[in-house]
PDB file of all heavy atoms in Angstrom:
ATOM      1  N   ARG A   1     111.178  94.381  93.438  1.00  0.00           N
ATOM      2  CA  ARG A   1     110.895  95.694  94.022  1.00  0.00           C
ATOM      3  C   ARG A   1     111.746  95.942  95.264  1.00  0.00           C
ATOM      4  O   ARG A   1     112.181  97.075  95.505  1.00  0.00           O
ATOM      5  CB  ARG A   1     109.402  95.808  94.344  1.00  0.00           C
ATOM      6  CG  ARG A   1     108.525  95.797  93.099  1.00  0.00           C
ATOM      7  CD  ARG A   1     107.054  95.962  93.424  1.00  0.00           C
ATOM      8  NE  ARG A   1     106.223  95.809  92.226  1.00  0.00           N
ATOM      9  CZ  ARG A   1     104.903  95.946  92.191  1.00  0.00           C
ATOM     10  NH1 ARG A   1     104.247  96.265  93.311  1.00  0.00           N
ATOM     11  NH2 ARG A   1     104.230  95.778  91.061  1.00  0.00           N
ATOM     12  N   PHE A   2     111.974  94.905  96.056  1.00  0.00           N
ATOM     13  CA  PHE A   2     112.850  95.051  97.220  1.00  0.00           C
ATOM     14  C   PHE A   2     114.243  95.491  96.783  1.00  0.00           C
ATOM     15  O   PHE A   2     114.845  96.411  97.343  1.00  0.00           O
ATOM     16  CB  PHE A   2     112.946  93.731  97.979  1.00  0.00           C
ATOM     17  CG  PHE A   2     111.821  93.492  98.962  1.00  0.00           C
ATOM     18  CD1 PHE A   2     110.667  94.246  98.941  1.00  0.00           C
ATOM     19  CD2 PHE A   2     111.922  92.489  99.910  1.00  0.00           C
ATOM     20  CE1 PHE A   2     109.632  94.013  99.837  1.00  0.00           C
ATOM     21  CE2 PHE A   2     110.911  92.251 100.825  1.00  0.00           C
ATOM     22  CZ  PHE A   2     109.761  93.015 100.784  1.00  0.00           C
ATOM     23  N   GLU A   3     114.795  94.806  95.790  1.00  0.00           N
ATOM     24  CA  GLU A   3     116.152  95.117  95.316  1.00  0.00           C
ATOM     25  C   GLU A   3     116.205  96.506  94.696  1.00  0.00           C
ATOM     26  O   GLU A   3     117.195  97.239  94.856  1.00  0.00           O
ATOM     27  CB  GLU A   3     116.605  94.056  94.317  1.00  0.00           C
ATOM     28  CG  GLU A   3     116.807  92.688  94.961  1.00  0.00           C
ATOM     29  CD  GLU A   3     117.197  91.620  93.957  1.00  0.00           C
ATOM     30  OE1 GLU A   3     116.779  91.722  92.779  1.00  0.00           O
ATOM     31  OE2 GLU A   3     117.907  90.690  94.348  1.00  0.00           O
ATOM     32  N   GLU A   4     115.140  96.893  93.996  1.00  0.00           N
ATOM     33  CA  GLU A   4     115.087  98.242  93.416  1.00  0.00           C
ATOM     34  C   GLU A   4     115.114  99.300  94.508  1.00  0.00           C
ATOM     35  O   GLU A   4     115.800 100.319  94.390  1.00  0.00           O
ATOM     36  CB  GLU A   4     113.821  98.386  92.573  1.00  0.00           C
ATOM     37  CG  GLU A   4     113.659  99.750  91.930  1.00  0.00           C
ATOM     38  CD  GLU A   4     112.333  99.887  91.217  1.00  0.00           C
ATOM     39  OE1 GLU A   4     111.281  99.885  91.911  1.00  0.00           O
ATOM     40  OE2 GLU A   4     112.328  99.982  89.978  1.00  0.00           O
ATOM     41  N   ARG A   5     114.379  99.041  95.597  1.00  0.00           N
ATOM     42  CA  ARG A   5     114.343 100.001  96.696  1.00  0.00           C
ATOM     43  C   ARG A   5     115.726 100.175  97.331  1.00  0.00           C
ATOM     44  O   ARG A   5     116.083 101.274  97.745  1.00  0.00           O
ATOM     45  CB  ARG A   5     113.331  99.554  97.757  1.00  0.00           C
ATOM     46  CG  ARG A   5     111.887  99.722  97.313  1.00  0.00           C
ATOM     47  CD  ARG A   5     110.908  99.269  98.375  1.00  0.00           C
ATOM     48  NE  ARG A   5     109.533  99.580  97.984  1.00  0.00           N
ATOM     49  CZ  ARG A   5     108.465  99.361  98.737  1.00  0.00           C
ATOM     50  NH1 ARG A   5     108.611  98.812  99.941  1.00  0.00           N
ATOM     51  NH2 ARG A   5     107.256  99.678  98.313  1.00  0.00           N
ATOM     52  N   GLU A   6     116.469  99.113  97.422  1.00  0.00           N
ATOM     53  CA  GLU A   6     117.799  99.203  98.014  1.00  0.00           C
ATOM     54  C   GLU A   6     118.752 100.023  97.146  1.00  0.00           C
ATOM     55  O   GLU A   6     119.668 100.667  97.653  1.00  0.00           O
ATOM     56  CB  GLU A   6     118.378  97.810  98.237  1.00  0.00           C
ATOM     57  CG  GLU A   6     117.721  97.052  99.384  1.00  0.00           C
ATOM     58  CD  GLU A   6     118.471  95.787  99.747  1.00  0.00           C
ATOM     59  OE1 GLU A   6     119.052  95.161  98.840  1.00  0.00           O
ATOM     60  OE2 GLU A   6     118.464  95.424 100.924  1.00  0.00           O
ATOM     61  N   LYS A   7     118.529 100.022  95.834  1.00  0.00           N
ATOM     62  CA  LYS A   7     119.447 100.677  94.914  1.00  0.00           C
ATOM     63  C   LYS A   7     119.148 102.157  94.721  1.00  0.00           C
ATOM     64  O   LYS A   7     120.036 102.922  94.332  1.00  0.00           O
ATOM     65  CB  LYS A   7     119.403  99.970  93.554  1.00  0.00           C
ATOM     66  CG  LYS A   7     119.917  98.535  93.578  1.00  0.00           C
ATOM     67  CD  LYS A   7     119.703  97.866  92.226  1.00  0.00           C
ATOM     68  CE  LYS A   7     120.146  96.410  92.240  1.00  0.00           C
ATOM     69  NZ  LYS A   7     119.863  95.724  90.958  1.00  0.00           N
ATOM     70  N   ILE A   8     117.892 102.570  94.943  1.00  0.00           N
ATOM     71  CA  ILE A   8     117.488 103.945  94.667  1.00  0.00           C
ATOM     72  C   ILE A   8     117.483 104.741  95.971  1.00  0.00           C
ATOM     73  O   ILE A   8     116.736 104.412  96.896  1.00  0.00           O
ATOM     74  CB  ILE A   8     116.097 103.984  94.004  1.00  0.00           C
ATOM     75  CG1 ILE A   8     116.126 103.199  92.687  1.00  0.00           C
ATOM     76  CG2 ILE A   8     115.645 105.421  93.772  1.00  0.00           C
ATOM     77  CD1 ILE A   8     114.783 103.095  92.001  1.00  0.00           C
ATOM     78  N   PRO A   9     118.312 105.795  96.068  1.00  0.00           N
ATOM     79  CA  PRO A   9     118.451 106.532  97.335  1.00  0.00           C
ATOM     80  C   PRO A   9     117.133 106.992  97.949  1.00  0.00           C
ATOM     81  O   PRO A   9     116.909 106.823  99.137  1.00  0.00           O
ATOM     82  CB  PRO A   9     119.343 107.707  96.955  1.00  0.00           C
ATOM     83  CG  PRO A   9     120.168 107.196  95.813  1.00  0.00           C
ATOM     84  CD  PRO A   9     119.257 106.293  95.034  1.00  0.00           C
ATOM     85  N   HIS A  10     116.240 107.576  97.125  1.00  0.00           N
ATOM     86  CA  HIS A  10     115.027 108.129  97.717  1.00  0.00           C
ATOM     87  C   HIS A  10     113.973 107.070  98.032  1.00  0.00           C
ATOM     88  O   HIS A  10     112.912 107.386  98.566  1.00  0.00           O
ATOM     89  CB  HIS A  10     114.428 109.219  96.815  1.00  0.00           C
ATOM     90  CG  HIS A  10     113.886 108.713  95.512  1.00  0.00           C
ATOM     91  ND1 HIS A  10     114.646 108.655  94.363  1.00  0.00           N
ATOM     92  CD2 HIS A  10     112.666 108.230  95.167  1.00  0.00           C
ATOM     93  CE1 HIS A  10     113.923 108.177  93.376  1.00  0.00           C
ATOM     94  NE2 HIS A  10     112.720 107.908  93.830  1.00  0.00           N
ATOM     95  N   LYS A  11     114.258 105.809  97.709  1.00  0.00           N
ATOM     96  CA  LYS A  11     113.351 104.723  98.075  1.00  0.00           C
ATOM     97  C   LYS A  11     113.929 103.812  99.153  1.00  0.00           C
ATOM     98  O   LYS A  11     113.246 102.914  99.643  1.00  0.00           O
ATOM     99  CB  LYS A  11     113.014 103.871  96.833  1.00  0.00           C
ATOM    100  CG  LYS A  11     112.137 104.563  95.810  1.00  0.00           C
ATOM    101  CD  LYS A  11     111.730 103.599  94.708  1.00  0.00           C
ATOM    102  CE  LYS A  11     110.777 104.252  93.711  1.00  0.00           C
ATOM    103  NZ  LYS A  11     110.331 103.285  92.668  1.00  0.00           N
ATOM    104  N   ALA A  12     115.193 104.047  99.517  1.00  0.00           N
ATOM    105  CA  ALA A  12     115.872 103.128 100.435  1.00  0.00           C
ATOM    106  C   ALA A  12     115.199 103.035 101.795  1.00  0.00           C
ATOM    107  O   ALA A  12     115.245 101.992 102.451  1.00  0.00           O
ATOM    108  CB  ALA A  12     117.335 103.544 100.597  1.00  0.00           C
ATOM    109  N   TYR A  13     114.547 104.131 102.221  1.00  0.00           N
ATOM    110  CA  TYR A  13     113.915 104.111 103.534  1.00  0.00           C
ATOM    111  C   TYR A  13     112.753 103.117 103.594  1.00  0.00           C
ATOM    112  O   TYR A  13     112.323 102.700 104.677  1.00  0.00           O
ATOM    113  CB  TYR A  13     113.405 105.507 103.900  1.00  0.00           C
ATOM    114  CG  TYR A  13     112.132 105.911 103.184  1.00  0.00           C
ATOM    115  CD1 TYR A  13     110.891 105.736 103.779  1.00  0.00           C
ATOM    116  CD2 TYR A  13     112.172 106.463 101.902  1.00  0.00           C
ATOM    117  CE1 TYR A  13     109.728 106.090 103.131  1.00  0.00           C
ATOM    118  CE2 TYR A  13     111.022 106.817 101.239  1.00  0.00           C
ATOM    119  CZ  TYR A  13     109.791 106.638 101.866  1.00  0.00           C
ATOM    120  OH  TYR A  13     108.649 106.987 101.206  1.00  0.00           O
ATOM    121  N   LYS A  14     112.219 102.739 102.422  1.00  0.00           N
ATOM    122  CA  LYS A  14     111.064 101.850 102.392  1.00  0.00           C
ATOM    123  C   LYS A  14     111.406 100.392 102.689  1.00  0.00           C
ATOM    124  O   LYS A  14     110.514  99.595 102.955  1.00  0.00           O
ATOM    125  CB  LYS A  14     110.394 101.911 101.008  1.00  0.00           C
ATOM    126  CG  LYS A  14     109.757 103.244 100.668  1.00  0.00           C
ATOM    127  CD  LYS A  14     109.060 103.150  99.315  1.00  0.00           C
ATOM    128  CE  LYS A  14     108.349 104.434  98.951  1.00  0.00           C
ATOM    129  NZ  LYS A  14     107.628 104.311  97.663  1.00  0.00           N
ATOM    130  N   ILE A  15     112.687 100.034 102.609  1.00  0.00           N
ATOM    131  CA  ILE A  15     113.070  98.636 102.785  1.00  0.00           C
ATOM    132  C   ILE A  15     113.829  98.472 104.099  1.00  0.00           C
ATOM    133  O   ILE A  15     114.781  99.204 104.364  1.00  0.00           O
ATOM    134  CB  ILE A  15     113.904  98.129 101.585  1.00  0.00           C
ATOM    135  CG1 ILE A  15     114.224  96.642 101.722  1.00  0.00           C
ATOM    136  CG2 ILE A  15     115.153  98.949 101.376  1.00  0.00           C
ATOM    137  CD1 ILE A  15     113.057  95.744 101.472  1.00  0.00           C
ATOM    138  N   THR A  16     113.391  97.544 104.929  1.00  0.00           N
ATOM    139  CA  THR A  16     114.000  97.320 106.230  1.00  0.00           C
ATOM    140  C   THR A  16     114.258  95.836 106.429  1.00  0.00           C
ATOM    141  O   THR A  16     113.796  94.993 105.644  1.00  0.00           O
ATOM    142  CB  THR A  16     113.085  97.815 107.363  1.00  0.00           C
ATOM    143  OG1 THR A  16     111.892  96.982 107.391  1.00  0.00           O
ATOM    144  CG2 THR A  16     112.681  99.272 107.160  1.00  0.00           C
ATOM    145  N   ALA A  17     114.989  95.541 107.483  1.00  0.00           N
ATOM    146  CA  ALA A  17     115.234  94.136 107.816  1.00  0.00           C
ATOM    147  C   ALA A  17     113.923  93.407 108.079  1.00  0.00           C
ATOM    148  O   ALA A  17     113.795  92.200 107.814  1.00  0.00           O
ATOM    149  CB  ALA A  17     116.145  94.049 109.032  1.00  0.00           C
ATOM    150  N   GLU A  18     112.924  94.139 108.593  1.00  0.00           N
ATOM    151  CA  GLU A  18     111.619  93.538 108.860  1.00  0.00           C
ATOM    152  C   GLU A  18     110.963  93.040 107.582  1.00  0.00           C
ATOM    153  O   GLU A  18     110.315  91.991 107.558  1.00  0.00           O
ATOM    154  CB  GLU A  18     110.710  94.571 109.542  1.00  0.00           C
ATOM    155  CG  GLU A  18     109.363  94.045 109.983  1.00  0.00           C
ATOM    156  CD  GLU A  18     109.435  93.195 111.241  1.00  0.00           C
ATOM    157  OE1 GLU A  18     110.513  93.110 111.848  1.00  0.00           O
ATOM    158  OE2 GLU A  18     108.406  92.603 111.600  1.00  0.00           O
ATOM    159  N   ASP A  19     111.141  93.788 106.484  1.00  0.00           N
ATOM    160  CA  ASP A  19     110.567  93.367 105.199  1.00  0.00           C
ATOM    161  C   ASP A  19     111.167  92.047 104.736  1.00  0.00           C
ATOM    162  O   ASP A  19     110.455  91.151 104.254  1.00  0.00           O
ATOM    163  CB  ASP A  19     110.799  94.450 104.147  1.00  0.00           C
ATOM    164  CG  ASP A  19     110.072  95.741 104.465  1.00  0.00           C
ATOM    165  OD1 ASP A  19     108.910  95.667 104.891  1.00  0.00           O
ATOM    166  OD2 ASP A  19     110.676  96.813 104.311  1.00  0.00           O
ATOM    167  N   TRP A  20     112.481  91.925 104.868  1.00  0.00           N
ATOM    168  CA  TRP A  20     113.131  90.676 104.460  1.00  0.00           C
ATOM    169  C   TRP A  20     112.698  89.523 105.367  1.00  0.00           C
ATOM    170  O   TRP A  20     112.510  88.380 104.899  1.00  0.00           O
ATOM    171  CB  TRP A  20     114.652  90.834 104.500  1.00  0.00           C
ATOM    172  CG  TRP A  20     115.191  91.686 103.393  1.00  0.00           C
ATOM    173  CD1 TRP A  20     115.716  92.939 103.497  1.00  0.00           C
ATOM    174  CD2 TRP A  20     115.228  91.357 101.997  1.00  0.00           C
ATOM    175  NE1 TRP A  20     116.101  93.404 102.266  1.00  0.00           N
ATOM    176  CE2 TRP A  20     115.810  92.452 101.318  1.00  0.00           C
ATOM    177  CE3 TRP A  20     114.832  90.249 101.250  1.00  0.00           C
ATOM    178  CZ2 TRP A  20     116.012  92.473  99.947  1.00  0.00           C
ATOM    179  CZ3 TRP A  20     115.027  90.258  99.872  1.00  0.00           C
ATOM    180  CH2 TRP A  20     115.605  91.359  99.235  1.00  0.00           C
ATOM    181  N   ARG A  21     112.515  89.808 106.640  1.00  0.00           N
ATOM    182  CA  ARG A  21     112.099  88.765 107.563  1.00  0.00           C
ATOM    183  C   ARG A  21     110.678  88.287 107.233  1.00  0.00           C
ATOM    184  O   ARG A  21     110.381  87.095 107.271  1.00  0.00           O
ATOM    185  CB  ARG A  21     112.152  89.292 109.001  1.00  0.00           C
ATOM    186  CG  ARG A  21     112.085  88.206 110.069  1.00  0.00           C
ATOM    187  CD  ARG A  21     112.209  88.815 111.455  1.00  0.00           C
ATOM    188  NE  ARG A  21     111.068  89.657 111.753  1.00  0.00           N
ATOM    189  CZ  ARG A  21     109.871  89.193 112.161  1.00  0.00           C
ATOM    190  NH1 ARG A  21     109.683  87.902 112.303  1.00  0.00           N
ATOM    191  NH2 ARG A  21     108.889  90.015 112.399  1.00  0.00           N
ATOM    192  N   ASN A  22     109.796  89.238 106.908  1.00  0.00           N
ATOM    193  CA  ASN A  22     108.436  88.868 106.524  1.00  0.00           C
ATOM    194  C   ASN A  22     108.426  88.062 105.235  1.00  0.00           C
ATOM    195  O   ASN A  22     107.630  87.132 105.077  1.00  0.00           O
ATOM    196  CB  ASN A  22     107.579  90.124 106.354  1.00  0.00           C
ATOM    197  CG  ASN A  22     107.290  90.812 107.667  1.00  0.00           C
ATOM    198  OD1 ASN A  22     107.421  90.219 108.739  1.00  0.00           O
ATOM    199  ND2 ASN A  22     106.903  92.079 107.603  1.00  0.00           N
ATOM    200  N   ARG A  23     109.323  88.414 104.312  1.00  0.00           N
ATOM    201  CA  ARG A  23     109.378  87.686 103.040  1.00  0.00           C
ATOM    202  C   ARG A  23     109.748  86.219 103.262  1.00  0.00           C
ATOM    203  O   ARG A  23     109.263  85.332 102.563  1.00  0.00           O
ATOM    204  CB  ARG A  23     110.392  88.364 102.106  1.00  0.00           C
ATOM    205  CG  ARG A  23     110.585  87.615 100.798  1.00  0.00           C
ATOM    206  CD  ARG A  23     111.504  88.368  99.840  1.00  0.00           C
ATOM    207  NE  ARG A  23     111.974  87.476  98.802  1.00  0.00           N
ATOM    208  CZ  ARG A  23     111.265  87.093  97.742  1.00  0.00           C
ATOM    209  NH1 ARG A  23     110.039  87.542  97.584  1.00  0.00           N
ATOM    210  NH2 ARG A  23     111.769  86.276  96.844  1.00  0.00           N
ATOM    211  N   ALA A  24     110.605  85.975 104.257  1.00  0.00           N
ATOM    212  CA  ALA A  24     110.993  84.595 104.549  1.00  0.00           C
ATOM    213  C   ALA A  24     109.808  83.767 105.024  1.00  0.00           C
ATOM    214  O   ALA A  24     109.851  82.528 104.974  1.00  0.00           O
ATOM    215  CB  ALA A  24     112.099  84.585 105.602  1.00  0.00           C
ATOM    216  N   LYS A  25     108.725  84.447 105.456  1.00  0.00           N
ATOM    217  CA  LYS A  25     107.527  83.749 105.920  1.00  0.00           C
ATOM    218  C   LYS A  25     106.391  83.858 104.893  1.00  0.00           C
ATOM    219  O   LYS A  25     105.210  83.832 105.257  1.00  0.00           O
ATOM    220  CB  LYS A  25     107.084  84.318 107.266  1.00  0.00           C
ATOM    221  CG  LYS A  25     108.089  84.093 108.390  1.00  0.00           C
ATOM    222  CD  LYS A  25     107.538  84.570 109.730  1.00  0.00           C
ATOM    223  CE  LYS A  25     108.523  84.283 110.849  1.00  0.00           C
ATOM    224  NZ  LYS A  25     107.979  84.695 112.175  1.00  0.00           N
ATOM    225  N   TRP A  26     106.777  83.977 103.634  1.00  0.00           N
ATOM    226  CA  TRP A  26     105.789  84.171 102.562  1.00  0.00           C
ATOM    227  C   TRP A  26     104.679  83.136 102.629  1.00  0.00           C
ATOM    228  O   TRP A  26     103.494  83.467 102.535  1.00  0.00           O
ATOM    229  CB  TRP A  26     106.479  84.123 101.208  1.00  0.00           C
ATOM    230  CG  TRP A  26     105.555  84.263 100.040  1.00  0.00           C
ATOM    231  CD1 TRP A  26     104.768  83.301  99.484  1.00  0.00           C
ATOM    232  CD2 TRP A  26     105.302  85.449  99.282  1.00  0.00           C
ATOM    233  NE1 TRP A  26     104.052  83.802  98.424  1.00  0.00           N
ATOM    234  CE2 TRP A  26     104.369  85.125  98.276  1.00  0.00           C
ATOM    235  CE3 TRP A  26     105.800  86.754  99.339  1.00  0.00           C
ATOM    236  CZ2 TRP A  26     103.912  86.046  97.350  1.00  0.00           C
ATOM    237  CZ3 TRP A  26     105.337  87.683  98.403  1.00  0.00           C
ATOM    238  CH2 TRP A  26     104.409  87.322  97.433  1.00  0.00           C
ATOM    239  N   ASN A  27     105.016  81.874 102.767  1.00  0.00           N
ATOM    240  CA  ASN A  27     103.992  80.821 102.734  1.00  0.00           C
ATOM    241  C   ASN A  27     103.034  80.897 103.915  1.00  0.00           C
ATOM    242  O   ASN A  27     101.836  80.646 103.775  1.00  0.00           O
ATOM    243  CB  ASN A  27     104.649  79.447 102.670  1.00  0.00           C
ATOM    244  CG  ASN A  27     105.158  79.133 101.279  1.00  0.00           C
ATOM    245  OD1 ASN A  27     104.546  79.516 100.286  1.00  0.00           O
ATOM    246  ND2 ASN A  27     106.295  78.468 101.194  1.00  0.00           N
ATOM    247  N   GLU A  28     103.568  81.246 105.100  1.00  0.00           N
ATOM    248  CA  GLU A  28     102.672  81.396 106.249  1.00  0.00           C
ATOM    249  C   GLU A  28     101.685  82.543 106.018  1.00  0.00           C
ATOM    250  O   GLU A  28     100.489  82.415 106.305  1.00  0.00           O
ATOM    251  CB  GLU A  28     103.482  81.659 107.520  1.00  0.00           C
ATOM    252  CG  GLU A  28     104.312  80.473 107.988  1.00  0.00           C
ATOM    253  CD  GLU A  28     105.743  80.530 107.517  1.00  0.00           C
ATOM    254  OE1 GLU A  28     105.978  80.954 106.353  1.00  0.00           O
ATOM    255  OE2 GLU A  28     106.628  80.178 108.312  1.00  0.00           O
ATOM    256  N   TYR A  29     102.190  83.656 105.468  1.00  0.00           N
ATOM    257  CA  TYR A  29     101.304  84.789 105.191  1.00  0.00           C
ATOM    258  C   TYR A  29     100.331  84.458 104.054  1.00  0.00           C
ATOM    259  O   TYR A  29      99.170  84.896 104.076  1.00  0.00           O
ATOM    260  CB  TYR A  29     102.132  86.035 104.835  1.00  0.00           C
ATOM    261  CG  TYR A  29     102.623  86.776 106.053  1.00  0.00           C
ATOM    262  CD1 TYR A  29     103.954  86.686 106.483  1.00  0.00           C
ATOM    263  CD2 TYR A  29     101.762  87.586 106.791  1.00  0.00           C
ATOM    264  CE1 TYR A  29     104.402  87.368 107.607  1.00  0.00           C
ATOM    265  CE2 TYR A  29     102.202  88.277 107.915  1.00  0.00           C
ATOM    266  CZ  TYR A  29     103.519  88.159 108.319  1.00  0.00           C
ATOM    267  OH  TYR A  29     103.956  88.832 109.439  1.00  0.00           O
ATOM    268  N   ARG A  30     100.791  83.697 103.096  1.00  0.00           N
ATOM    269  CA  ARG A  30      99.934  83.305 101.968  1.00  0.00           C
ATOM    270  C   ARG A  30      98.758  82.462 102.462  1.00  0.00           C
ATOM    271  O   ARG A  30      97.609  82.692 102.074  1.00  0.00           O
ATOM    272  CB  ARG A  30     100.791  82.532 100.973  1.00  0.00           C
ATOM    273  CG  ARG A  30     100.099  82.025  99.730  1.00  0.00           C
ATOM    274  CD  ARG A  30     101.175  81.574  98.754  1.00  0.00           C
ATOM    275  NE  ARG A  30     100.671  80.694  97.728  1.00  0.00           N
ATOM    276  CZ  ARG A  30     100.631  79.364  97.826  1.00  0.00           C
ATOM    277  NH1 ARG A  30     101.061  78.772  98.930  1.00  0.00           N
ATOM    278  NH2 ARG A  30     100.175  78.622  96.841  1.00  0.00           N
ATOM    279  N   THR A  31      99.042  81.518 103.333  1.00  0.00           N
ATOM    280  CA  THR A  31      97.984  80.682 103.899  1.00  0.00           C
ATOM    281  C   THR A  31      97.022  81.511 104.735  1.00  0.00           C
ATOM    282  O   THR A  31      95.796  81.385 104.625  1.00  0.00           O
ATOM    283  CB  THR A  31      98.591  79.569 104.766  1.00  0.00           C
ATOM    284  OG1 THR A  31      99.424  78.747 103.946  1.00  0.00           O
ATOM    285  CG2 THR A  31      97.505  78.713 105.394  1.00  0.00           C
ATOM    286  N   ALA A  32      97.575  82.391 105.575  1.00  0.00           N
ATOM    287  CA  ALA A  32      96.744  83.238 106.430  1.00  0.00           C
ATOM    288  C   ALA A  32      95.867  84.171 105.595  1.00  0.00           C
ATOM    289  O   ALA A  32      94.689  84.398 105.921  1.00  0.00           O
ATOM    290  CB  ALA A  32      97.622  84.043 107.378  1.00  0.00           C
ATOM    291  N   THR A  33      96.423  84.715 104.510  1.00  0.00           N
ATOM    292  CA  THR A  33      95.664  85.622 103.653  1.00  0.00           C
ATOM    293  C   THR A  33      94.502  84.913 102.987  1.00  0.00           C
ATOM    294  O   THR A  33      93.371  85.434 102.945  1.00  0.00           O
ATOM    295  CB  THR A  33      96.589  86.229 102.578  1.00  0.00           C
ATOM    296  OG1 THR A  33      97.629  86.974 103.212  1.00  0.00           O
ATOM    297  CG2 THR A  33      95.813  87.126 101.645  1.00  0.00           C
ATOM    298  N   ALA A  34      94.763  83.728 102.444  1.00  0.00           N
ATOM    299  CA  ALA A  34      93.707  82.970 101.772  1.00  0.00           C
ATOM    300  C   ALA A  34      92.566  82.650 102.742  1.00  0.00           C
ATOM    301  O   ALA A  34      91.383  82.801 102.406  1.00  0.00           O
ATOM    302  CB  ALA A  34      94.285  81.692 101.176  1.00  0.00           C
ATOM    303  N   GLU A  35      92.919  82.218 103.946  1.00  0.00           N
ATOM    304  CA  GLU A  35      91.887  81.910 104.941  1.00  0.00           C
ATOM    305  C   GLU A  35      91.126  83.167 105.345  1.00  0.00           C
ATOM    306  O   GLU A  35      89.903  83.139 105.532  1.00  0.00           O
ATOM    307  CB  GLU A  35      92.522  81.262 106.167  1.00  0.00           C
ATOM    308  CG  GLU A  35      93.055  79.851 105.899  1.00  0.00           C
ATOM    309  CD  GLU A  35      93.608  79.204 107.151  1.00  0.00           C
ATOM    310  OE1 GLU A  35      93.404  79.753 108.254  1.00  0.00           O
ATOM    311  OE2 GLU A  35      94.235  78.137 107.035  1.00  0.00           O
ATOM    312  N   MET A  36      91.851  84.275 105.470  1.00  0.00           N
ATOM    313  CA  MET A  36      91.224  85.545 105.831  1.00  0.00           C
ATOM    314  C   MET A  36      90.177  85.952 104.796  1.00  0.00           C
ATOM    315  O   MET A  36      89.038  86.313 105.142  1.00  0.00           O
ATOM    316  CB  MET A  36      92.287  86.629 105.932  1.00  0.00           C
ATOM    317  CG  MET A  36      91.760  88.040 106.126  1.00  0.00           C
ATOM    318  SD  MET A  36      93.044  89.288 105.828  1.00  0.00           S
ATOM    319  CE  MET A  36      93.083  89.299 104.013  1.00  0.00           C
ATOM    320  N   ILE A  37      90.544  85.906 103.518  1.00  0.00           N
ATOM    321  CA  ILE A  37      89.626  86.315 102.457  1.00  0.00           C
ATOM    322  C   ILE A  37      88.409  85.400 102.418  1.00  0.00           C
ATOM    323  O   ILE A  37      87.263  85.856 102.293  1.00  0.00           O
ATOM    324  CB  ILE A  37      90.355  86.328 101.098  1.00  0.00           C
ATOM    325  CG1 ILE A  37      91.415  87.445 101.093  1.00  0.00           C
ATOM    326  CG2 ILE A  37      89.374  86.527  99.952  1.00  0.00           C
ATOM    327  CD1 ILE A  37      92.312  87.446  99.879  1.00  0.00           C
ATOM    328  N   GLU A  38      88.630  84.105 102.552  1.00  0.00           N
ATOM    329  CA  GLU A  38      87.521  83.160 102.522  1.00  0.00           C
ATOM    330  C   GLU A  38      86.567  83.353 103.698  1.00  0.00           C
ATOM    331  O   GLU A  38      85.351  83.212 103.557  1.00  0.00           O
ATOM    332  CB  GLU A  38      88.065  81.724 102.525  1.00  0.00           C
ATOM    333  CG  GLU A  38      88.762  81.338 101.225  1.00  0.00           C
ATOM    334  CD  GLU A  38      89.444  79.991 101.302  1.00  0.00           C
ATOM    335  OE1 GLU A  38      89.588  79.464 102.435  1.00  0.00           O
ATOM    336  OE2 GLU A  38      89.823  79.451 100.249  1.00  0.00           O
TER     337      GLU A  38
END
């Protein structure tokens, strides 16, 4: 979905450097999410 957003003009605004940076921390967010739900 990230790559699709970069390719489609009217969706390009949805993808930022912040999104890629957050993706690099997927596991930290995954752990935090699981603990949050529990």
